[in-house]
Amino acid sequence: MKADKKLDCYGLLCPVPIIRTAKAVKEMKVGEILEVSSTDAGIREDMPAWCRTTGQEFLGLEEEGEVIKAYVRKARE
């Protein structure tokens, strides 16, 4: 998936990837896609839950070895 912005959260544990995601999304334009790379397995559940509570669009996950990439589209301000 092509991302407009990438966020490296390698080695960081919950809740840091979600906190950094929230900050990055605030700086993006509606419609842009953020790729979050994480090694924290909790992101599989945390990212979709964060998107539901904030109104952003969760686009899915890709796993490459120990790295989990989560994709979020900014759906609203």
N, C-alpha and C. Protein backbone atom coordinates (compact mmCIF):
# COMPACT_ATOMS: atom_id res chain seq x y z
N MET A 1 0.85 -1.18 0.00
CA MET A 1 0.00 0.00 0.00
C MET A 1 0.90 1.24 0.00
N LYS A 2 0.52 2.22 -0.77
CA LYS A 2 1.31 3.45 -0.85
C LYS A 2 0.88 4.42 0.25
N ALA A 3 1.83 4.83 1.06
CA ALA A 3 1.55 5.75 2.16
C ALA A 3 2.08 7.15 1.84
N ASP A 4 1.36 8.16 2.31
CA ASP A 4 1.82 9.54 2.15
C ASP A 4 2.85 9.90 3.21
N LYS A 5 2.79 9.21 4.35
CA LYS A 5 3.71 9.47 5.46
C LYS A 5 3.99 8.16 6.16
N LYS A 6 5.22 7.99 6.62
CA LYS A 6 5.61 6.76 7.34
C LYS A 6 6.06 7.12 8.74
N LEU A 7 5.69 6.25 9.68
CA LEU A 7 6.03 6.45 11.09
C LEU A 7 6.71 5.18 11.60
N ASP A 8 7.94 5.32 12.07
CA ASP A 8 8.71 4.18 12.57
C ASP A 8 8.56 4.08 14.09
N CYS A 9 7.87 3.03 14.54
CA CYS A 9 7.70 2.79 15.98
C CYS A 9 8.37 1.48 16.37
N TYR A 10 9.42 1.11 15.64
CA TYR A 10 10.15 -0.13 15.89
C TYR A 10 10.67 -0.16 17.32
N GLY A 11 10.36 -1.23 18.04
CA GLY A 11 10.85 -1.41 19.40
C GLY A 11 10.07 -0.68 20.48
N LEU A 12 9.07 0.10 20.10
CA LEU A 12 8.28 0.85 21.09
C LEU A 12 7.05 0.05 21.49
N LEU A 13 6.72 0.10 22.77
CA LEU A 13 5.57 -0.65 23.28
C LEU A 13 4.38 0.26 23.52
N CYS A 14 3.22 -0.36 23.54
CA CYS A 14 1.96 0.34 23.80
C CYS A 14 2.08 1.14 25.10
N PRO A 15 1.63 2.36 25.13
CA PRO A 15 0.78 3.05 24.16
C PRO A 15 1.54 3.97 23.21
N VAL A 16 2.88 3.92 23.19
CA VAL A 16 3.67 4.88 22.42
C VAL A 16 3.32 4.88 20.92
N PRO A 17 3.18 3.72 20.24
CA PRO A 17 2.83 3.79 18.82
C PRO A 17 1.50 4.52 18.56
N ILE A 18 0.53 4.34 19.42
CA ILE A 18 -0.77 5.01 19.24
C ILE A 18 -0.64 6.51 19.51
N ILE A 19 0.12 6.88 20.52
CA ILE A 19 0.34 8.30 20.82
C ILE A 19 1.03 8.99 19.64
N ARG A 20 2.03 8.34 19.09
CA ARG A 20 2.76 8.92 17.94
C ARG A 20 1.88 8.95 16.70
N THR A 21 1.03 7.94 16.55
CA THR A 21 0.09 7.92 15.42
C THR A 21 -0.85 9.12 15.52
N ALA A 22 -1.41 9.36 16.70
CA ALA A 22 -2.34 10.48 16.90
C ALA A 22 -1.67 11.80 16.53
N LYS A 23 -0.43 11.98 16.94
CA LYS A 23 0.30 13.22 16.64
C LYS A 23 0.54 13.35 15.13
N ALA A 24 0.94 12.25 14.49
CA ALA A 24 1.23 12.29 13.05
C ALA A 24 -0.03 12.58 12.24
N VAL A 25 -1.15 11.96 12.63
CA VAL A 25 -2.40 12.16 11.89
C VAL A 25 -2.86 13.61 11.99
N LYS A 26 -2.64 14.25 13.13
CA LYS A 26 -3.02 15.65 13.29
C LYS A 26 -2.32 16.55 12.27
N GLU A 27 -1.11 16.18 11.86
CA GLU A 27 -0.32 16.98 10.94
C GLU A 27 -0.61 16.67 9.47
N MET A 28 -1.47 15.70 9.22
CA MET A 28 -1.77 15.27 7.86
C MET A 28 -3.06 15.91 7.34
N LYS A 29 -3.24 15.83 6.01
CA LYS A 29 -4.46 16.32 5.38
C LYS A 29 -5.47 15.17 5.28
N VAL A 30 -6.76 15.51 5.29
CA VAL A 30 -7.80 14.50 5.13
C VAL A 30 -7.58 13.76 3.81
N GLY A 31 -7.64 12.44 3.86
CA GLY A 31 -7.44 11.60 2.68
C GLY A 31 -6.05 11.00 2.58
N GLU A 32 -5.09 11.55 3.31
CA GLU A 32 -3.73 11.01 3.27
C GLU A 32 -3.65 9.72 4.09
N ILE A 33 -2.68 8.88 3.72
CA ILE A 33 -2.49 7.58 4.37
C ILE A 33 -1.20 7.56 5.16
N LEU A 34 -1.28 7.05 6.39
CA LEU A 34 -0.13 6.89 7.28
C LEU A 34 0.20 5.42 7.41
N GLU A 35 1.49 5.09 7.26
CA GLU A 35 1.98 3.74 7.51
C GLU A 35 2.73 3.74 8.83
N VAL A 36 2.32 2.91 9.77
CA VAL A 36 2.97 2.81 11.08
C VAL A 36 3.65 1.45 11.17
N SER A 37 4.98 1.44 11.29
CA SER A 37 5.75 0.20 11.44
C SER A 37 6.03 -0.02 12.92
N SER A 38 5.65 -1.22 13.41
CA SER A 38 5.79 -1.51 14.83
C SER A 38 6.19 -2.97 15.04
N THR A 39 6.85 -3.23 16.16
CA THR A 39 7.16 -4.61 16.55
C THR A 39 6.28 -5.04 17.72
N ASP A 40 5.39 -4.17 18.17
CA ASP A 40 4.48 -4.46 19.28
C ASP A 40 3.24 -5.16 18.74
N ALA A 41 3.07 -6.43 19.09
CA ALA A 41 1.93 -7.22 18.60
C ALA A 41 0.59 -6.60 18.99
N GLY A 42 0.57 -5.80 20.03
CA GLY A 42 -0.66 -5.16 20.48
C GLY A 42 -1.25 -4.21 19.45
N ILE A 43 -0.44 -3.79 18.49
CA ILE A 43 -0.93 -2.85 17.48
C ILE A 43 -2.03 -3.48 16.63
N ARG A 44 -2.05 -4.81 16.55
CA ARG A 44 -3.08 -5.50 15.77
C ARG A 44 -4.48 -5.15 16.27
N GLU A 45 -4.62 -5.00 17.58
CA GLU A 45 -5.92 -4.64 18.16
C GLU A 45 -6.01 -3.15 18.48
N ASP A 46 -4.91 -2.56 18.88
CA ASP A 46 -4.92 -1.15 19.30
C ASP A 46 -5.22 -0.18 18.16
N MET A 47 -4.64 -0.42 16.98
CA MET A 47 -4.83 0.52 15.88
C MET A 47 -6.28 0.54 15.38
N PRO A 48 -6.92 -0.62 15.13
CA PRO A 48 -8.33 -0.56 14.73
C PRO A 48 -9.21 0.09 15.79
N ALA A 49 -8.93 -0.17 17.06
CA ALA A 49 -9.72 0.42 18.15
C ALA A 49 -9.53 1.93 18.18
N TRP A 50 -8.30 2.39 18.01
CA TRP A 50 -8.04 3.84 17.99
C TRP A 50 -8.77 4.49 16.83
N CYS A 51 -8.74 3.86 15.68
CA CYS A 51 -9.43 4.42 14.50
C CYS A 51 -10.94 4.52 14.75
N ARG A 52 -11.52 3.49 15.35
CA ARG A 52 -12.96 3.53 15.65
C ARG A 52 -13.30 4.67 16.59
N THR A 53 -12.48 4.89 17.60
CA THR A 53 -12.79 5.92 18.59
C THR A 53 -12.50 7.34 18.10
N THR A 54 -11.62 7.48 17.10
CA THR A 54 -11.27 8.82 16.62
C THR A 54 -11.91 9.17 15.28
N GLY A 55 -12.55 8.20 14.65
CA GLY A 55 -13.20 8.47 13.37
C GLY A 55 -12.27 8.39 12.17
N GLN A 56 -11.07 7.86 12.36
CA GLN A 56 -10.14 7.68 11.24
C GLN A 56 -10.42 6.32 10.61
N GLU A 57 -9.91 6.11 9.40
CA GLU A 57 -10.19 4.87 8.67
C GLU A 57 -9.02 3.90 8.77
N PHE A 58 -9.28 2.73 9.35
CA PHE A 58 -8.27 1.68 9.44
C PHE A 58 -8.28 0.91 8.12
N LEU A 59 -7.14 0.86 7.44
CA LEU A 59 -7.07 0.23 6.13
C LEU A 59 -6.53 -1.19 6.16
N GLY A 60 -5.90 -1.59 7.27
CA GLY A 60 -5.40 -2.96 7.36
C GLY A 60 -3.98 -3.06 7.85
N LEU A 61 -3.51 -4.31 7.90
CA LEU A 61 -2.17 -4.63 8.40
C LEU A 61 -1.40 -5.43 7.36
N GLU A 62 -0.10 -5.28 7.39
CA GLU A 62 0.82 -6.14 6.64
C GLU A 62 1.89 -6.58 7.62
N GLU A 63 2.24 -7.86 7.58
CA GLU A 63 3.28 -8.36 8.48
C GLU A 63 4.47 -8.85 7.68
N GLU A 64 5.65 -8.37 8.07
CA GLU A 64 6.91 -8.76 7.43
C GLU A 64 7.86 -9.20 8.54
N GLY A 65 7.87 -10.48 8.84
CA GLY A 65 8.69 -10.97 9.94
C GLY A 65 8.14 -10.44 11.25
N GLU A 66 9.01 -9.77 12.04
CA GLU A 66 8.56 -9.24 13.32
C GLU A 66 7.92 -7.86 13.21
N VAL A 67 7.99 -7.26 12.01
CA VAL A 67 7.45 -5.91 11.82
C VAL A 67 6.01 -5.97 11.33
N ILE A 68 5.15 -5.24 12.01
CA ILE A 68 3.75 -5.13 11.65
C ILE A 68 3.53 -3.71 11.13
N LYS A 69 2.99 -3.61 9.92
CA LYS A 69 2.70 -2.30 9.34
C LYS A 69 1.19 -2.09 9.37
N ALA A 70 0.77 -1.01 10.01
CA ALA A 70 -0.65 -0.66 10.08
C ALA A 70 -0.87 0.56 9.19
N TYR A 71 -1.99 0.57 8.48
CA TYR A 71 -2.30 1.66 7.56
C TYR A 71 -3.58 2.37 8.00
N VAL A 72 -3.48 3.70 8.08
CA VAL A 72 -4.59 4.53 8.53
C VAL A 72 -4.78 5.68 7.54
N ARG A 73 -6.01 5.87 7.11
CA ARG A 73 -6.35 7.04 6.27
C ARG A 73 -7.00 8.08 7.15
N LYS A 74 -6.50 9.32 7.06
CA LYS A 74 -7.12 10.40 7.82
C LYS A 74 -8.48 10.69 7.19
N ALA A 75 -9.53 10.42 7.93
CA ALA A 75 -10.88 10.56 7.40
C ALA A 75 -11.53 11.89 7.82
N ARG A 76 -11.02 12.48 8.89
CA ARG A 76 -11.60 13.73 9.37
C ARG A 76 -10.59 14.48 10.21
N GLU A 77 -10.85 15.75 10.44
CA GLU A 77 -9.98 16.58 11.28
C GLU A 77 -10.11 16.21 12.73
